[in-house]
C-alpha cells in the first residue's frame, strides 16, 4: 500500500467528518469534540487548524483519503495528532503517515497523547520513536467520563 501525505484540500473535510463520526473510532480516540456530529463546529475547527501555522496533512493510501495527520501548538509544546479511517486500521497506514509527518517536521521535542487503553495508537507512536513520559487523566467527551491517558515524547 502506498501511503503519502499532502496538504489538506477543502474537499477532504467531508471525508474527515465522516471518518470522525464512526462510533467505534470515536470511542477508541476518546478525546474528541464534544459533539462530533456538529458540522459547523467541525468546519470552524479546521479553519482554525489551517490558519494557525499547524502542519495539517491528508493521509492518502493508494490515492484515497483515509485520514489526517497534524502537528500543532506553540514551539517547544507542539503535539502530533492523527486519525485513520477504521477500514484501514491494522494495515500500517498510521505508522507510515506519522513517519512521513515526522520527517517533514524536524523540530523536537514533539508530544502526543492517547487514551491509556488505546494500545494501537500507543504502538504507532512508539514505533515512530515516542516514549511514554507521563500519565494523566482528562475528560473524554466520547466516553462521557474522566479517563486515564498517556503523554508521549519524541526527543531529538
C-alpha atoms as a PDB file:
ATOM      1  CA  UNK A   1       0.000   0.000   0.000  1.00  0.00           C
ATOM      2  CA  UNK A   2       1.336   3.406  -0.998  1.00  0.00           C
ATOM      3  CA  UNK A   3       0.848   5.914   1.865  1.00  0.00           C
ATOM      4  CA  UNK A   4       1.557   9.602   1.238  1.00  0.00           C
ATOM      5  CA  UNK A   5       0.708  12.925   2.827  1.00  0.00           C
ATOM      6  CA  UNK A   6      -0.437  16.059   1.074  1.00  0.00           C
ATOM      7  CA  UNK A   7      -1.874  19.434   2.037  1.00  0.00           C
ATOM      8  CA  UNK A   8      -5.489  19.360   3.176  1.00  0.00           C
ATOM      9  CA  UNK A   9      -7.992  20.379   0.485  1.00  0.00           C
ATOM     10  CA  UNK A  10     -11.472  21.728   1.175  1.00  0.00           C
ATOM     11  CA  UNK A  11     -12.848  18.574  -0.437  1.00  0.00           C
ATOM     12  CA  UNK A  12     -11.159  16.478   2.279  1.00  0.00           C
ATOM     13  CA  UNK A  13     -13.250  17.960   5.078  1.00  0.00           C
ATOM     14  CA  UNK A  14     -16.445  15.978   4.425  1.00  0.00           C
ATOM     15  CA  UNK A  15     -14.323  12.806   4.289  1.00  0.00           C
ATOM     16  CA  UNK A  16     -12.636  13.646   7.614  1.00  0.00           C
ATOM     17  CA  UNK A  17     -16.027  14.491   9.130  1.00  0.00           C
ATOM     18  CA  UNK A  18     -17.451  11.103   8.131  1.00  0.00           C
ATOM     19  CA  UNK A  19     -14.367   9.304   9.481  1.00  0.00           C
ATOM     20  CA  UNK A  20     -14.512  11.207  12.756  1.00  0.00           C
ATOM     21  CA  UNK A  21     -18.133  10.179  13.267  1.00  0.00           C
ATOM     22  CA  UNK A  22     -17.532   6.428  13.244  1.00  0.00           C
ATOM     23  CA  UNK A  23     -18.791   5.396  16.722  1.00  0.00           C
ATOM     24  CA  UNK A  24     -16.104   2.737  17.259  1.00  0.00           C
ATOM     25  CA  UNK A  25     -13.312   5.091  16.205  1.00  0.00           C
ATOM     26  CA  UNK A  26     -14.699   7.906  18.351  1.00  0.00           C
ATOM     27  CA  UNK A  27     -14.810   5.613  21.389  1.00  0.00           C
ATOM     28  CA  UNK A  28     -11.228   4.456  20.770  1.00  0.00           C
ATOM     29  CA  UNK A  29      -9.902   8.008  20.352  1.00  0.00           C
ATOM     30  CA  UNK A  30     -11.862   9.101  23.445  1.00  0.00           C
ATOM     31  CA  UNK A  31     -10.681  12.730  23.457  1.00  0.00           C
ATOM     32  CA  UNK A  32     -12.898  14.077  20.703  1.00  0.00           C
ATOM     33  CA  UNK A  33     -15.118  17.044  20.061  1.00  0.00           C
ATOM     34  CA  UNK A  34     -17.998  17.448  22.469  1.00  0.00           C
ATOM     35  CA  UNK A  35     -20.397  16.773  19.607  1.00  0.00           C
ATOM     36  CA  UNK A  36     -18.603  15.078  16.692  1.00  0.00           C
ATOM     37  CA  UNK A  37     -21.784  15.405  14.587  1.00  0.00           C
ATOM     38  CA  UNK A  38     -21.708  19.234  14.734  1.00  0.00           C
ATOM     39  CA  UNK A  39     -20.666  20.112  11.161  1.00  0.00           C
ATOM     40  CA  UNK A  40     -20.382  23.869  11.888  1.00  0.00           C
ATOM     41  CA  UNK A  41     -18.039  23.253  14.846  1.00  0.00           C
ATOM     42  CA  UNK A  42     -16.027  20.807  12.745  1.00  0.00           C
ATOM     43  CA  UNK A  43     -15.622  23.365   9.948  1.00  0.00           C
ATOM     44  CA  UNK A  44     -14.654  26.041  12.475  1.00  0.00           C
ATOM     45  CA  UNK A  45     -12.040  23.738  14.000  1.00  0.00           C
ATOM     46  CA  UNK A  46     -10.469  23.004  10.611  1.00  0.00           C
ATOM     47  CA  UNK A  47     -10.497  26.694   9.702  1.00  0.00           C
ATOM     48  CA  UNK A  48      -8.513  27.408  12.896  1.00  0.00           C
ATOM     49  CA  UNK A  49      -6.137  24.496  12.259  1.00  0.00           C
ATOM     50  CA  UNK A  50      -5.428  25.559   8.690  1.00  0.00           C
ATOM     51  CA  UNK A  51      -4.847  29.216   9.610  1.00  0.00           C
ATOM     52  CA  UNK A  52      -2.828  28.600  12.796  1.00  0.00           C
ATOM     53  CA  UNK A  53       0.532  27.566  11.410  1.00  0.00           C
ATOM     54  CA  UNK A  54      -0.158  23.906  12.125  1.00  0.00           C
ATOM     55  CA  UNK A  55       1.226  21.376   9.689  1.00  0.00           C
ATOM     56  CA  UNK A  56      -2.005  19.666   8.620  1.00  0.00           C
ATOM     57  CA  UNK A  57      -1.934  16.863   6.084  1.00  0.00           C
ATOM     58  CA  UNK A  58      -4.380  14.496   4.455  1.00  0.00           C
ATOM     59  CA  UNK A  59      -3.314  10.852   4.540  1.00  0.00           C
ATOM     60  CA  UNK A  60      -3.733   9.053   1.231  1.00  0.00           C
ATOM     61  CA  UNK A  61      -3.484   5.292   0.829  1.00  0.00           C
ATOM     62  CA  UNK A  62      -3.293   4.152  -2.771  1.00  0.00           C
ATOM     63  CA  UNK A  63      -4.676   7.564  -3.757  1.00  0.00           C
ATOM     64  CA  UNK A  64      -7.715   7.554  -1.439  1.00  0.00           C
ATOM     65  CA  UNK A  65      -8.104   9.969   1.503  1.00  0.00           C
ATOM     66  CA  UNK A  66      -8.050   7.720   4.563  1.00  0.00           C
ATOM     67  CA  UNK A  67      -7.289  10.193   7.350  1.00  0.00           C
ATOM     68  CA  UNK A  68      -5.396  13.206   8.578  1.00  0.00           C
ATOM     69  CA  UNK A  69      -2.207  13.945  10.488  1.00  0.00           C
ATOM     70  CA  UNK A  70      -1.096  17.213  12.051  1.00  0.00           C
ATOM     71  CA  UNK A  71       1.492  18.926  14.192  1.00  0.00           C
ATOM     72  CA  UNK A  72       0.124  21.896  16.106  1.00  0.00           C
ATOM     73  CA  UNK A  73       0.842  24.135  19.080  1.00  0.00           C
ATOM     74  CA  UNK A  74       3.458  26.535  20.303  1.00  0.00           C
ATOM     75  CA  UNK A  75       7.185  25.850  19.742  1.00  0.00           C
ATOM     76  CA  UNK A  76       8.525  23.577  22.458  1.00  0.00           C
ATOM     77  CA  UNK A  77       4.998  22.299  23.172  1.00  0.00           C
ATOM     78  CA  UNK A  78       3.957  21.039  19.733  1.00  0.00           C
ATOM     79  CA  UNK A  79       1.850  17.901  19.549  1.00  0.00           C
ATOM     80  CA  UNK A  80       1.110  15.373  16.850  1.00  0.00           C
ATOM     81  CA  UNK A  81      -2.322  14.014  16.186  1.00  0.00           C
ATOM     82  CA  UNK A  82      -3.678  11.680  13.554  1.00  0.00           C
ATOM     83  CA  UNK A  83      -6.882   9.938  12.563  1.00  0.00           C
ATOM     84  CA  UNK A  84      -7.171   6.972  10.221  1.00  0.00           C
ATOM     85  CA  UNK A  85     -10.419   5.571   8.856  1.00  0.00           C
ATOM     86  CA  UNK A  86     -11.264   2.391  10.747  1.00  0.00           C
ATOM     87  CA  UNK A  87     -11.366   0.417   7.470  1.00  0.00           C
ATOM     88  CA  UNK A  88      -7.591   0.946   7.302  1.00  0.00           C
ATOM     89  CA  UNK A  89      -6.665   0.096  10.892  1.00  0.00           C
ATOM     90  CA  UNK A  90      -4.012  -2.565  11.349  1.00  0.00           C
ATOM     91  CA  UNK A  91      -2.516  -2.077   7.883  1.00  0.00           C
ATOM     92  CA  UNK A  92       0.435   0.174   8.767  1.00  0.00           C
ATOM     93  CA  UNK A  93      -1.196   3.332   7.419  1.00  0.00           C
ATOM     94  CA  UNK A  94      -0.952   5.335  10.652  1.00  0.00           C
ATOM     95  CA  UNK A  95       2.681   4.367  11.210  1.00  0.00           C
ATOM     96  CA  UNK A  96       3.687   5.211   7.629  1.00  0.00           C
ATOM     97  CA  UNK A  97       1.822   8.529   7.743  1.00  0.00           C
ATOM     98  CA  UNK A  98       3.277   9.523  11.109  1.00  0.00           C
ATOM     99  CA  UNK A  99       6.801   8.679   9.936  1.00  0.00           C
ATOM    100  CA  UNK A 100       6.314  10.885   6.886  1.00  0.00           C
ATOM    101  CA  UNK A 101       4.931  13.717   9.019  1.00  0.00           C
ATOM    102  CA  UNK A 102       7.867  13.482  11.437  1.00  0.00           C
ATOM    103  CA  UNK A 103      10.314  13.657   8.515  1.00  0.00           C
ATOM    104  CA  UNK A 104       8.568  16.817   7.327  1.00  0.00           C
ATOM    105  CA  UNK A 105       8.595  18.449  10.780  1.00  0.00           C
ATOM    106  CA  UNK A 106      12.125  18.018  12.180  1.00  0.00           C
ATOM    107  CA  UNK A 107      11.677  20.110  15.327  1.00  0.00           C
ATOM    108  CA  UNK A 108      11.897  18.289  18.631  1.00  0.00           C
ATOM    109  CA  UNK A 109      10.627  17.654  21.183  1.00  0.00           C
ATOM    110  CA  UNK A 110       7.183  16.712  19.944  1.00  0.00           C
ATOM    111  CA  UNK A 111       4.434  15.365  22.146  1.00  0.00           C
ATOM    112  CA  UNK A 112       1.428  13.099  21.712  1.00  0.00           C
ATOM    113  CA  UNK A 113      -1.422  11.967  23.925  1.00  0.00           C
ATOM    114  CA  UNK A 114      -3.518   8.834  23.809  1.00  0.00           C
ATOM    115  CA  UNK A 115      -6.168   7.195  25.905  1.00  0.00           C
ATOM    116  CA  UNK A 116      -4.264   4.779  28.150  1.00  0.00           C
ATOM    117  CA  UNK A 117      -6.355   1.879  26.857  1.00  0.00           C
ATOM    118  CA  UNK A 118      -5.718   2.731  23.191  1.00  0.00           C
ATOM    119  CA  UNK A 119      -2.919   0.209  22.704  1.00  0.00           C
ATOM    120  CA  UNK A 120      -2.947   0.532  18.914  1.00  0.00           C
ATOM    121  CA  UNK A 121      -2.286   4.276  18.990  1.00  0.00           C
ATOM    122  CA  UNK A 122       0.434   3.854  21.599  1.00  0.00           C
ATOM    123  CA  UNK A 123       2.044   1.194  19.413  1.00  0.00           C
ATOM    124  CA  UNK A 124       2.038   3.510  16.366  1.00  0.00           C
ATOM    125  CA  UNK A 125       3.629   6.315  18.383  1.00  0.00           C
ATOM    126  CA  UNK A 126       6.240   4.011  19.932  1.00  0.00           C
ATOM    127  CA  UNK A 127       7.171   2.561  16.503  1.00  0.00           C
ATOM    128  CA  UNK A 128       7.887   6.156  15.473  1.00  0.00           C
ATOM    129  CA  UNK A 129      10.204   6.765  18.429  1.00  0.00           C
ATOM    130  CA  UNK A 130       7.860   8.299  21.001  1.00  0.00           C
ATOM    131  CA  UNK A 131       8.309   7.230  24.621  1.00  0.00           C
ATOM    132  CA  UNK A 132       5.718   7.360  27.393  1.00  0.00           C
ATOM    133  CA  UNK A 133       6.871  10.164  29.690  1.00  0.00           C
ATOM    134  CA  UNK A 134       3.821  10.871  31.826  1.00  0.00           C
ATOM    135  CA  UNK A 135       0.398   9.676  32.807  1.00  0.00           C
ATOM    136  CA  UNK A 136      -2.557  11.943  33.309  1.00  0.00           C
ATOM    137  CA  UNK A 137      -6.314  11.899  33.235  1.00  0.00           C
ATOM    138  CA  UNK A 138      -8.808  14.024  31.418  1.00  0.00           C
ATOM    139  CA  UNK A 139     -12.434  14.214  30.493  1.00  0.00           C
ATOM    140  CA  UNK A 140     -13.084  12.125  27.380  1.00  0.00           C
ATOM    141  CA  UNK A 141     -16.101  13.527  25.549  1.00  0.00           C
ATOM    142  CA  UNK A 142     -16.554  10.290  23.613  1.00  0.00           C
ATOM    143  CA  UNK A 143     -16.894   8.309  26.817  1.00  0.00           C
ATOM    144  CA  UNK A 144     -18.587  10.910  28.992  1.00  0.00           C
ATOM    145  CA  UNK A 145     -16.099  10.322  31.796  1.00  0.00           C
ATOM    146  CA  UNK A 146     -12.671  11.110  33.170  1.00  0.00           C
ATOM    147  CA  UNK A 147     -10.217   8.512  31.851  1.00  0.00           C
ATOM    148  CA  UNK A 148      -6.511   7.782  32.061  1.00  0.00           C
ATOM    149  CA  UNK A 149      -4.246   8.981  29.281  1.00  0.00           C
ATOM    150  CA  UNK A 150      -0.568   8.727  28.476  1.00  0.00           C
ATOM    151  CA  UNK A 151       1.701  11.522  27.332  1.00  0.00           C
ATOM    152  CA  UNK A 152       4.442  10.520  24.918  1.00  0.00           C
ATOM    153  CA  UNK A 153       7.521  12.488  23.891  1.00  0.00           C
ATOM    154  CA  UNK A 154       9.752  12.341  20.842  1.00  0.00           C
ATOM    155  CA  UNK A 155      13.127  13.880  21.619  1.00  0.00           C
ATOM    156  CA  UNK A 156      15.807  14.875  19.128  1.00  0.00           C
END
